[in-house]
Amino acid sequence: LGGLASQMTNDYGHLALQGRMAAATAEPEEIGFQIKTRVQELGHGC
């Protein structure tokens, strides 16, 4: 589990970075907010 948790944490870090970029460029702005919120909720679940 330790190795898997570490790998998942790294992958989530990449997702958070890419999610931030996707949220910033999403049209309409509401979609960007939704992406940001759901990525954060995923982070809490992780």
All heavy atoms as atom14 arrays in JSON, in Angstrom:
{
  "sequence": "LGGLASQMTNDYGHLALQGRMAAATAEPEEIGFQIKTRVQELGHGC",
  "atom14_mask": [
    [1, 1, 1, 1, 1, 1, 1, 1, 0, 0, 0, 0, 0, 0],
    [1, 1, 1, 1, 0, 0, 0, 0, 0, 0, 0, 0, 0, 0],
    [1, 1, 1, 1, 0, 0, 0, 0, 0, 0, 0, 0, 0, 0],
    [1, 1, 1, 1, 1, 1, 1, 1, 0, 0, 0, 0, 0, 0],
    [1, 1, 1, 1, 1, 0, 0, 0, 0, 0, 0, 0, 0, 0],
    [1, 1, 1, 1, 1, 1, 0, 0, 0, 0, 0, 0, 0, 0],
    [1, 1, 1, 1, 1, 1, 1, 1, 1, 0, 0, 0, 0, 0],
    [1, 1, 1, 1, 1, 1, 1, 1, 0, 0, 0, 0, 0, 0],
    [1, 1, 1, 1, 1, 1, 1, 0, 0, 0, 0, 0, 0, 0],
    [1, 1, 1, 1, 1, 1, 1, 1, 0, 0, 0, 0, 0, 0],
    [1, 1, 1, 1, 1, 1, 1, 1, 0, 0, 0, 0, 0, 0],
    [1, 1, 1, 1, 1, 1, 1, 1, 1, 1, 1, 1, 0, 0],
    [1, 1, 1, 1, 0, 0, 0, 0, 0, 0, 0, 0, 0, 0],
    [1, 1, 1, 1, 1, 1, 1, 1, 1, 1, 0, 0, 0, 0],
    [1, 1, 1, 1, 1, 1, 1, 1, 0, 0, 0, 0, 0, 0],
    [1, 1, 1, 1, 1, 0, 0, 0, 0, 0, 0, 0, 0, 0],
    [1, 1, 1, 1, 1, 1, 1, 1, 0, 0, 0, 0, 0, 0],
    [1, 1, 1, 1, 1, 1, 1, 1, 1, 0, 0, 0, 0, 0],
    [1, 1, 1, 1, 0, 0, 0, 0, 0, 0, 0, 0, 0, 0],
    [1, 1, 1, 1, 1, 1, 1, 1, 1, 1, 1, 0, 0, 0],
    [1, 1, 1, 1, 1, 1, 1, 1, 0, 0, 0, 0, 0, 0],
    [1, 1, 1, 1, 1, 0, 0, 0, 0, 0, 0, 0, 0, 0],
    [1, 1, 1, 1, 1, 0, 0, 0, 0, 0, 0, 0, 0, 0],
    [1, 1, 1, 1, 1, 0, 0, 0, 0, 0, 0, 0, 0, 0],
    [1, 1, 1, 1, 1, 1, 1, 0, 0, 0, 0, 0, 0, 0],
    [1, 1, 1, 1, 1, 0, 0, 0, 0, 0, 0, 0, 0, 0],
    [1, 1, 1, 1, 1, 1, 1, 1, 1, 0, 0, 0, 0, 0],
    [1, 1, 1, 1, 1, 1, 1, 0, 0, 0, 0, 0, 0, 0],
    [1, 1, 1, 1, 1, 1, 1, 1, 1, 0, 0, 0, 0, 0],
    [1, 1, 1, 1, 1, 1, 1, 1, 1, 0, 0, 0, 0, 0],
    [1, 1, 1, 1, 1, 1, 1, 1, 0, 0, 0, 0, 0, 0],
    [1, 1, 1, 1, 0, 0, 0, 0, 0, 0, 0, 0, 0, 0],
    [1, 1, 1, 1, 1, 1, 1, 1, 1, 1, 1, 0, 0, 0],
    [1, 1, 1, 1, 1, 1, 1, 1, 1, 0, 0, 0, 0, 0],
    [1, 1, 1, 1, 1, 1, 1, 1, 0, 0, 0, 0, 0, 0],
    [1, 1, 1, 1, 1, 1, 1, 1, 1, 0, 0, 0, 0, 0],
    [1, 1, 1, 1, 1, 1, 1, 0, 0, 0, 0, 0, 0, 0],
    [1, 1, 1, 1, 1, 1, 1, 1, 1, 1, 1, 0, 0, 0],
    [1, 1, 1, 1, 1, 1, 1, 0, 0, 0, 0, 0, 0, 0],
    [1, 1, 1, 1, 1, 1, 1, 1, 1, 0, 0, 0, 0, 0],
    [1, 1, 1, 1, 1, 1, 1, 1, 1, 0, 0, 0, 0, 0],
    [1, 1, 1, 1, 1, 1, 1, 1, 0, 0, 0, 0, 0, 0],
    [1, 1, 1, 1, 0, 0, 0, 0, 0, 0, 0, 0, 0, 0],
    [1, 1, 1, 1, 1, 1, 1, 1, 1, 1, 0, 0, 0, 0],
    [1, 1, 1, 1, 0, 0, 0, 0, 0, 0, 0, 0, 0, 0],
    [1, 1, 1, 1, 1, 1, 0, 0, 0, 0, 0, 0, 0, 0]
  ],
  "atom14_positions": [
    [[0.8, -1.22, 0.0], [0.0, 0.0, 0.0], [0.83, 1.27, 0.0], [0.43, 2.27, -0.59], [-0.96, 0.0, 1.19], [-2.09, -1.02, 1.11], [-2.84, -1.09, 2.43], [-3.03, -0.67, -0.02], [0.0, 0.0, 0.0], [0.0, 0.0, 0.0], [0.0, 0.0, 0.0], [0.0, 0.0, 0.0], [0.0, 0.0, 0.0], [0.0, 0.0, 0.0]],
    [[1.98, 1.27, 0.66], [2.8, 2.48, 0.73], [3.25, 2.95, -0.64], [3.13, 4.13, -0.98], [0.0, 0.0, 0.0], [0.0, 0.0, 0.0], [0.0, 0.0, 0.0], [0.0, 0.0, 0.0], [0.0, 0.0, 0.0], [0.0, 0.0, 0.0], [0.0, 0.0, 0.0], [0.0, 0.0, 0.0], [0.0, 0.0, 0.0], [0.0, 0.0, 0.0]],
    [[3.74, 2.04, -1.44], [4.18, 2.38, -2.79], [3.04, 2.84, -3.67], [3.17, 3.79, -4.45], [0.0, 0.0, 0.0], [0.0, 0.0, 0.0], [0.0, 0.0, 0.0], [0.0, 0.0, 0.0], [0.0, 0.0, 0.0], [0.0, 0.0, 0.0], [0.0, 0.0, 0.0], [0.0, 0.0, 0.0], [0.0, 0.0, 0.0], [0.0, 0.0, 0.0]],
    [[1.89, 2.16, -3.54], [0.73, 2.55, -4.32], [0.22, 3.93, -3.92], [-0.14, 4.74, -4.77], [-0.39, 1.52, -4.16], [-0.12, 0.15, -4.78], [-1.19, -0.84, -4.37], [-0.04, 0.26, -6.29], [0.0, 0.0, 0.0], [0.0, 0.0, 0.0], [0.0, 0.0, 0.0], [0.0, 0.0, 0.0], [0.0, 0.0, 0.0], [0.0, 0.0, 0.0]],
    [[0.21, 4.2, -2.62], [-0.23, 5.52, -2.14], [0.71, 6.61, -2.64], [0.27, 7.69, -3.03], [-0.31, 5.53, -0.62], [0.0, 0.0, 0.0], [0.0, 0.0, 0.0], [0.0, 0.0, 0.0], [0.0, 0.0, 0.0], [0.0, 0.0, 0.0], [0.0, 0.0, 0.0], [0.0, 0.0, 0.0], [0.0, 0.0, 0.0], [0.0, 0.0, 0.0]],
    [[1.99, 6.33, -2.65], [2.97, 7.3, -3.14], [2.76, 7.59, -4.63], [2.77, 8.75, -5.06], [4.38, 6.77, -2.89], [5.34, 7.66, -3.4], [0.0, 0.0, 0.0], [0.0, 0.0, 0.0], [0.0, 0.0, 0.0], [0.0, 0.0, 0.0], [0.0, 0.0, 0.0], [0.0, 0.0, 0.0], [0.0, 0.0, 0.0], [0.0, 0.0, 0.0]],
    [[2.55, 6.54, -5.4], [2.33, 6.72, -6.84], [1.04, 7.48, -7.1], [0.98, 8.37, -7.95], [2.27, 5.35, -7.54], [2.1, 5.45, -9.04], [3.25, 6.15, -9.73], [4.41, 5.86, -9.46], [2.94, 7.07, -10.62], [0.0, 0.0, 0.0], [0.0, 0.0, 0.0], [0.0, 0.0, 0.0], [0.0, 0.0, 0.0], [0.0, 0.0, 0.0]],
    [[-0.02, 7.15, -6.34], [-1.3, 7.85, -6.51], [-1.14, 9.33, -6.16], [-1.69, 10.2, -6.84], [-2.38, 7.23, -5.63], [-3.73, 7.87, -5.84], [-4.99, 7.23, -4.76], [-4.43, 7.85, -3.19], [0.0, 0.0, 0.0], [0.0, 0.0, 0.0], [0.0, 0.0, 0.0], [0.0, 0.0, 0.0], [0.0, 0.0, 0.0], [0.0, 0.0, 0.0]],
    [[-0.38, 9.62, -5.12], [-0.14, 11.01, -4.72], [0.58, 11.77, -5.83], [0.22, 12.91, -6.14], [0.68, 11.05, -3.41], [-0.05, 10.33, -2.4], [0.92, 12.46, -2.95], [0.0, 0.0, 0.0], [0.0, 0.0, 0.0], [0.0, 0.0, 0.0], [0.0, 0.0, 0.0], [0.0, 0.0, 0.0], [0.0, 0.0, 0.0], [0.0, 0.0, 0.0]],
    [[1.58, 11.16, -6.43], [2.29, 11.79, -7.55], [1.36, 12.04, -8.73], [1.37, 13.11, -9.33], [3.48, 10.93, -7.99], [4.6, 10.95, -7.0], [4.76, 11.87, -6.22], [5.39, 9.89, -7.0], [0.0, 0.0, 0.0], [0.0, 0.0, 0.0], [0.0, 0.0, 0.0], [0.0, 0.0, 0.0], [0.0, 0.0, 0.0], [0.0, 0.0, 0.0]],
    [[0.54, 11.04, -9.06], [-0.38, 11.19, -10.18], [-1.42, 12.27, -9.9], [-1.77, 13.05, -10.79], [-1.09, 9.86, -10.48], [-0.17, 8.86, -11.15], [0.88, 9.29, -11.68], [-0.5, 7.67, -11.15], [0.0, 0.0, 0.0], [0.0, 0.0, 0.0], [0.0, 0.0, 0.0], [0.0, 0.0, 0.0], [0.0, 0.0, 0.0], [0.0, 0.0, 0.0]],
    [[-1.89, 12.34, -8.67], [-2.85, 13.39, -8.33], [-2.19, 14.76, -8.46], [-2.83, 15.71, -8.91], [-3.46, 13.22, -6.94], [-4.37, 14.37, -6.63], [-5.64, 14.42, -7.18], [-3.94, 15.46, -5.88], [-6.47, 15.52, -6.97], [-4.75, 16.55, -5.67], [-6.02, 16.58, -6.21], [-6.82, 17.66, -6.02], [0.0, 0.0, 0.0], [0.0, 0.0, 0.0]],
    [[-0.93, 14.88, -8.07], [-0.22, 16.15, -8.21], [-0.18, 16.62, -9.66], [-0.41, 17.8, -9.94], [0.0, 0.0, 0.0], [0.0, 0.0, 0.0], [0.0, 0.0, 0.0], [0.0, 0.0, 0.0], [0.0, 0.0, 0.0], [0.0, 0.0, 0.0], [0.0, 0.0, 0.0], [0.0, 0.0, 0.0], [0.0, 0.0, 0.0], [0.0, 0.0, 0.0]],
    [[0.07, 15.68, -10.57], [0.06, 16.02, -12.0], [-1.35, 16.42, -12.44], [-1.52, 17.39, -13.2], [0.55, 14.85, -12.85], [1.98, 14.5, -12.63], [3.02, 15.35, -12.93], [2.56, 13.38, -12.12], [4.17, 14.77, -12.62], [3.92, 13.58, -12.13], [0.0, 0.0, 0.0], [0.0, 0.0, 0.0], [0.0, 0.0, 0.0], [0.0, 0.0, 0.0]],
    [[-2.34, 15.68, -11.97], [-3.72, 15.99, -12.33], [-4.11, 17.37, -11.81], [-4.76, 18.14, -12.53], [-4.67, 14.95, -11.75], [-6.16, 15.3, -11.86], [-6.6, 15.31, -13.31], [-6.99, 14.35, -11.04], [0.0, 0.0, 0.0], [0.0, 0.0, 0.0], [0.0, 0.0, 0.0], [0.0, 0.0, 0.0], [0.0, 0.0, 0.0], [0.0, 0.0, 0.0]],
    [[-3.72, 17.71, -10.59], [-4.07, 19.02, -10.02], [-3.47, 20.15, -10.86], [-4.14, 21.15, -11.13], [-3.59, 19.11, -8.58], [0.0, 0.0, 0.0], [0.0, 0.0, 0.0], [0.0, 0.0, 0.0], [0.0, 0.0, 0.0], [0.0, 0.0, 0.0], [0.0, 0.0, 0.0], [0.0, 0.0, 0.0], [0.0, 0.0, 0.0], [0.0, 0.0, 0.0]],
    [[-2.23, 19.98, -11.29], [-1.59, 20.99, -12.13], [-2.32, 21.13, -13.46], [-2.64, 22.24, -13.9], [-0.12, 20.64, -12.35], [0.67, 21.58, -13.24], [0.75, 22.98, -12.61], [2.07, 21.03, -13.47], [0.0, 0.0, 0.0], [0.0, 0.0, 0.0], [0.0, 0.0, 0.0], [0.0, 0.0, 0.0], [0.0, 0.0, 0.0], [0.0, 0.0, 0.0]],
    [[-2.59, 20.01, -14.11], [-3.28, 20.04, -15.39], [-4.72, 20.52, -15.23], [-5.26, 21.22, -16.1], [-3.25, 18.66, -16.04], [-1.85, 18.25, -16.47], [-1.81, 16.83, -17.0], [-2.8, 16.11, -16.98], [-0.64, 16.41, -17.48], [0.0, 0.0, 0.0], [0.0, 0.0, 0.0], [0.0, 0.0, 0.0], [0.0, 0.0, 0.0], [0.0, 0.0, 0.0]],
    [[-5.35, 20.13, -14.12], [-6.72, 20.58, -13.85], [-6.8, 22.08, -13.67], [-7.76, 22.72, -14.12], [0.0, 0.0, 0.0], [0.0, 0.0, 0.0], [0.0, 0.0, 0.0], [0.0, 0.0, 0.0], [0.0, 0.0, 0.0], [0.0, 0.0, 0.0], [0.0, 0.0, 0.0], [0.0, 0.0, 0.0], [0.0, 0.0, 0.0], [0.0, 0.0, 0.0]],
    [[-5.78, 22.64, -13.03], [-5.74, 24.1, -12.86], [-5.66, 24.78, -14.21], [-6.35, 25.78, -14.45], [-4.54, 24.49, -11.99], [-4.53, 25.98, -11.63], [-3.36, 26.39, -10.76], [-3.06, 25.45, -9.71], [-1.82, 24.97, -9.46], [-0.8, 25.38, -10.18], [-1.62, 24.11, -8.49], [0.0, 0.0, 0.0], [0.0, 0.0, 0.0], [0.0, 0.0, 0.0]],
    [[-4.84, 24.24, -15.1], [-4.73, 24.83, -16.45], [-6.03, 24.66, -17.23], [-6.48, 25.58, -17.91], [-3.56, 24.22, -17.2], [-2.2, 24.62, -16.65], [-0.8, 24.03, -17.62], [-0.84, 22.28, -17.28], [0.0, 0.0, 0.0], [0.0, 0.0, 0.0], [0.0, 0.0, 0.0], [0.0, 0.0, 0.0], [0.0, 0.0, 0.0], [0.0, 0.0, 0.0]],
    [[-6.67, 23.47, -17.1], [-7.93, 23.24, -17.81], [-9.02, 24.17, -17.28], [-9.82, 24.71, -18.06], [-8.36, 21.77, -17.65], [0.0, 0.0, 0.0], [0.0, 0.0, 0.0], [0.0, 0.0, 0.0], [0.0, 0.0, 0.0], [0.0, 0.0, 0.0], [0.0, 0.0, 0.0], [0.0, 0.0, 0.0], [0.0, 0.0, 0.0], [0.0, 0.0, 0.0]],
    [[-9.04, 24.38, -15.98], [-10.05, 25.26, -15.38], [-9.85, 26.71, -15.83], [-10.82, 27.43, -16.07], [-10.0, 25.17, -13.86], [0.0, 0.0, 0.0], [0.0, 0.0, 0.0], [0.0, 0.0, 0.0], [0.0, 0.0, 0.0], [0.0, 0.0, 0.0], [0.0, 0.0, 0.0], [0.0, 0.0, 0.0], [0.0, 0.0, 0.0], [0.0, 0.0, 0.0]],
    [[-8.6, 27.11, -15.95], [-8.3, 28.5, -16.34], [-8.69, 28.78, -17.78], [-9.04, 29.91, -18.12], [-6.82, 28.8, -16.13], [0.0, 0.0, 0.0], [0.0, 0.0, 0.0], [0.0, 0.0, 0.0], [0.0, 0.0, 0.0], [0.0, 0.0, 0.0], [0.0, 0.0, 0.0], [0.0, 0.0, 0.0], [0.0, 0.0, 0.0], [0.0, 0.0, 0.0]],
    [[-8.65, 27.76, -18.63], [-8.93, 27.98, -20.05], [-10.33, 27.54, -20.46], [-10.7, 27.7, -21.62], [-7.9, 27.22, -20.92], [-7.97, 25.83, -20.62], [-6.49, 27.74, -20.66], [0.0, 0.0, 0.0], [0.0, 0.0, 0.0], [0.0, 0.0, 0.0], [0.0, 0.0, 0.0], [0.0, 0.0, 0.0], [0.0, 0.0, 0.0], [0.0, 0.0, 0.0]],
    [[-11.09, 26.97, -19.53], [-12.42, 26.45, -19.87], [-13.4, 27.58, -20.17], [-13.35, 28.65, -19.57], [-12.94, 25.6, -18.72], [0.0, 0.0, 0.0], [0.0, 0.0, 0.0], [0.0, 0.0, 0.0], [0.0, 0.0, 0.0], [0.0, 0.0, 0.0], [0.0, 0.0, 0.0], [0.0, 0.0, 0.0], [0.0, 0.0, 0.0], [0.0, 0.0, 0.0]],
    [[-14.27, 27.32, -21.11], [-15.35, 28.24, -21.47], [-16.65, 27.47, -21.37], [-16.74, 26.36, -21.89], [-15.16, 28.78, -22.88], [-13.99, 29.71, -23.04], [-14.18, 31.04, -22.32], [-15.35, 31.47, -22.14], [-13.18, 31.64, -21.92], [0.0, 0.0, 0.0], [0.0, 0.0, 0.0], [0.0, 0.0, 0.0], [0.0, 0.0, 0.0], [0.0, 0.0, 0.0]],
    [[-17.64, 27.95, -20.75], [-17.73, 29.2, -19.99], [-17.02, 29.07, -18.64], [-16.59, 27.99, -18.26], [-19.24, 29.39, -19.81], [-19.8, 28.01, -19.83], [-18.93, 27.22, -20.78], [0.0, 0.0, 0.0], [0.0, 0.0, 0.0], [0.0, 0.0, 0.0], [0.0, 0.0, 0.0], [0.0, 0.0, 0.0], [0.0, 0.0, 0.0], [0.0, 0.0, 0.0]],
    [[-16.92, 30.17, -17.96], [-16.21, 30.24, -16.69], [-16.77, 29.27, -15.65], [-16.03, 28.75, -14.82], [-16.27, 31.68, -16.17], [-15.31, 31.96, -15.03], [-15.31, 33.43, -14.67], [-15.13, 34.27, -15.58], [-15.49, 33.73, -13.48], [0.0, 0.0, 0.0], [0.0, 0.0, 0.0], [0.0, 0.0, 0.0], [0.0, 0.0, 0.0], [0.0, 0.0, 0.0]],
    [[-18.07, 29.0, -15.72], [-18.71, 28.07, -14.78], [-18.11, 26.67, -14.9], [-17.96, 25.97, -13.9], [-20.21, 28.01, -15.05], [-20.92, 29.31, -14.83], [-22.27, 29.34, -15.53], [-22.74, 28.3, -16.03], [-22.86, 30.43, -15.58], [0.0, 0.0, 0.0], [0.0, 0.0, 0.0], [0.0, 0.0, 0.0], [0.0, 0.0, 0.0], [0.0, 0.0, 0.0]],
    [[-17.77, 26.27, -16.1], [-17.16, 24.95, -16.31], [-15.79, 24.91, -15.64], [-15.43, 23.91, -15.02], [-17.04, 24.63, -17.82], [-18.41, 24.59, -18.47], [-16.28, 23.33, -18.05], [-19.31, 23.46, -18.02], [0.0, 0.0, 0.0], [0.0, 0.0, 0.0], [0.0, 0.0, 0.0], [0.0, 0.0, 0.0], [0.0, 0.0, 0.0], [0.0, 0.0, 0.0]],
    [[-15.04, 25.98, -15.75], [-13.75, 26.05, -15.1], [-13.88, 25.92, -13.59], [-13.09, 25.22, -12.94], [0.0, 0.0, 0.0], [0.0, 0.0, 0.0], [0.0, 0.0, 0.0], [0.0, 0.0, 0.0], [0.0, 0.0, 0.0], [0.0, 0.0, 0.0], [0.0, 0.0, 0.0], [0.0, 0.0, 0.0], [0.0, 0.0, 0.0], [0.0, 0.0, 0.0]],
    [[-14.87, 26.57, -13.02], [-15.1, 26.47, -11.57], [-15.47, 25.04, -11.19], [-15.01, 24.52, -10.18], [-16.21, 27.44, -11.13], [-16.52, 27.37, -9.67], [-15.66, 27.93, -8.74], [-17.66, 26.72, -9.23], [-15.94, 27.84, -7.38], [-17.94, 26.63, -7.88], [-17.08, 27.2, -6.95], [0.0, 0.0, 0.0], [0.0, 0.0, 0.0], [0.0, 0.0, 0.0]],
    [[-16.28, 24.41, -12.02], [-16.69, 23.03, -11.76], [-15.48, 22.09, -11.82], [-15.34, 21.2, -10.97], [-17.74, 22.62, -12.78], [-18.46, 21.34, -12.45], [-19.56, 21.06, -13.45], [-19.3, 21.0, -14.65], [-20.77, 20.89, -12.96], [0.0, 0.0, 0.0], [0.0, 0.0, 0.0], [0.0, 0.0, 0.0], [0.0, 0.0, 0.0], [0.0, 0.0, 0.0]],
    [[-14.61, 22.27, -12.79], [-13.4, 21.44, -12.89], [-12.56, 21.61, -11.63], [-12.13, 20.64, -11.01], [-12.59, 21.79, -14.16], [-13.35, 21.36, -15.42], [-11.21, 21.13, -14.12], [-12.75, 21.87, -16.71], [0.0, 0.0, 0.0], [0.0, 0.0, 0.0], [0.0, 0.0, 0.0], [0.0, 0.0, 0.0], [0.0, 0.0, 0.0], [0.0, 0.0, 0.0]],
    [[-12.33, 22.87, -11.25], [-11.51, 23.16, -10.08], [-12.1, 22.51, -8.82], [-11.39, 21.85, -8.06], [-11.42, 24.67, -9.89], [-10.62, 25.09, -8.68], [-10.63, 26.59, -8.53], [-10.01, 27.0, -7.19], [-10.16, 28.42, -6.93], [0.0, 0.0, 0.0], [0.0, 0.0, 0.0], [0.0, 0.0, 0.0], [0.0, 0.0, 0.0], [0.0, 0.0, 0.0]],
    [[-13.4, 22.66, -8.63], [-14.06, 22.11, -7.44], [-13.99, 20.6, -7.4], [-13.67, 20.0, -6.37], [-15.54, 22.57, -7.41], [-15.57, 23.99, -7.42], [-16.25, 22.05, -6.18], [0.0, 0.0, 0.0], [0.0, 0.0, 0.0], [0.0, 0.0, 0.0], [0.0, 0.0, 0.0], [0.0, 0.0, 0.0], [0.0, 0.0, 0.0], [0.0, 0.0, 0.0]],
    [[-14.23, 19.97, -8.52], [-14.23, 18.5, -8.55], [-12.82, 17.93, -8.4], [-12.65, 16.86, -7.79], [-14.91, 18.0, -9.82], [-16.42, 18.26, -9.74], [-17.16, 17.71, -10.9], [-18.6, 17.93, -10.72], [-19.49, 17.61, -11.61], [-19.11, 17.08, -12.76], [-20.77, 17.82, -11.38], [0.0, 0.0, 0.0], [0.0, 0.0, 0.0], [0.0, 0.0, 0.0]],
    [[-11.83, 18.61, -8.92], [-10.45, 18.15, -8.72], [-10.08, 18.27, -7.24], [-9.43, 17.39, -6.68], [-9.46, 18.93, -9.62], [-8.02, 18.67, -9.22], [-9.67, 18.55, -11.09], [0.0, 0.0, 0.0], [0.0, 0.0, 0.0], [0.0, 0.0, 0.0], [0.0, 0.0, 0.0], [0.0, 0.0, 0.0], [0.0, 0.0, 0.0], [0.0, 0.0, 0.0]],
    [[-10.54, 19.34, -6.59], [-10.28, 19.49, -5.15], [-10.98, 18.39, -4.35], [-10.4, 17.82, -3.42], [-10.75, 20.87, -4.67], [-9.87, 22.0, -5.11], [-10.44, 23.36, -4.75], [-11.62, 23.51, -4.43], [-9.6, 24.39, -4.83], [0.0, 0.0, 0.0], [0.0, 0.0, 0.0], [0.0, 0.0, 0.0], [0.0, 0.0, 0.0], [0.0, 0.0, 0.0]],
    [[-12.23, 18.08, -4.7], [-12.95, 17.01, -4.02], [-12.25, 15.67, -4.21], [-12.17, 14.86, -3.28], [-14.39, 16.94, -4.53], [-15.24, 18.11, -4.11], [-16.59, 18.16, -4.81], [-16.87, 17.29, -5.68], [-17.38, 19.06, -4.47], [0.0, 0.0, 0.0], [0.0, 0.0, 0.0], [0.0, 0.0, 0.0], [0.0, 0.0, 0.0], [0.0, 0.0, 0.0]],
    [[-11.72, 15.45, -5.4], [-10.95, 14.24, -5.65], [-9.72, 14.21, -4.76], [-9.37, 13.16, -4.2], [-10.55, 14.15, -7.13], [-9.65, 12.98, -7.52], [-10.3, 11.64, -7.21], [-9.3, 13.07, -9.0], [0.0, 0.0, 0.0], [0.0, 0.0, 0.0], [0.0, 0.0, 0.0], [0.0, 0.0, 0.0], [0.0, 0.0, 0.0], [0.0, 0.0, 0.0]],
    [[-9.08, 15.34, -4.59], [-7.9, 15.41, -3.71], [-8.24, 15.04, -2.28], [-7.5, 14.3, -1.63], [0.0, 0.0, 0.0], [0.0, 0.0, 0.0], [0.0, 0.0, 0.0], [0.0, 0.0, 0.0], [0.0, 0.0, 0.0], [0.0, 0.0, 0.0], [0.0, 0.0, 0.0], [0.0, 0.0, 0.0], [0.0, 0.0, 0.0], [0.0, 0.0, 0.0]],
    [[-9.38, 15.53, -1.79], [-9.81, 15.17, -0.44], [-10.06, 13.67, -0.33], [-9.67, 13.03, 0.66], [-11.06, 15.94, -0.04], [-10.84, 17.41, 0.13], [-9.98, 17.94, 1.08], [-11.35, 18.47, -0.55], [-9.98, 19.26, 0.97], [-10.8, 19.61, -0.02], [0.0, 0.0, 0.0], [0.0, 0.0, 0.0], [0.0, 0.0, 0.0], [0.0, 0.0, 0.0]],
    [[-10.68, 13.1, -1.36], [-10.91, 11.65, -1.37], [-9.61, 10.87, -1.38], [-9.48, 9.84, -0.71], [0.0, 0.0, 0.0], [0.0, 0.0, 0.0], [0.0, 0.0, 0.0], [0.0, 0.0, 0.0], [0.0, 0.0, 0.0], [0.0, 0.0, 0.0], [0.0, 0.0, 0.0], [0.0, 0.0, 0.0], [0.0, 0.0, 0.0], [0.0, 0.0, 0.0]],
    [[-8.62, 11.36, -2.13], [-7.31, 10.71, -2.17], [-6.63, 10.76, -0.8], [-5.99, 9.79, -0.38], [-6.41, 11.36, -3.23], [-6.9, 11.01, -4.92], [0.0, 0.0, 0.0], [0.0, 0.0, 0.0], [0.0, 0.0, 0.0], [0.0, 0.0, 0.0], [0.0, 0.0, 0.0], [0.0, 0.0, 0.0], [0.0, 0.0, 0.0], [0.0, 0.0, 0.0]]
  ]
}
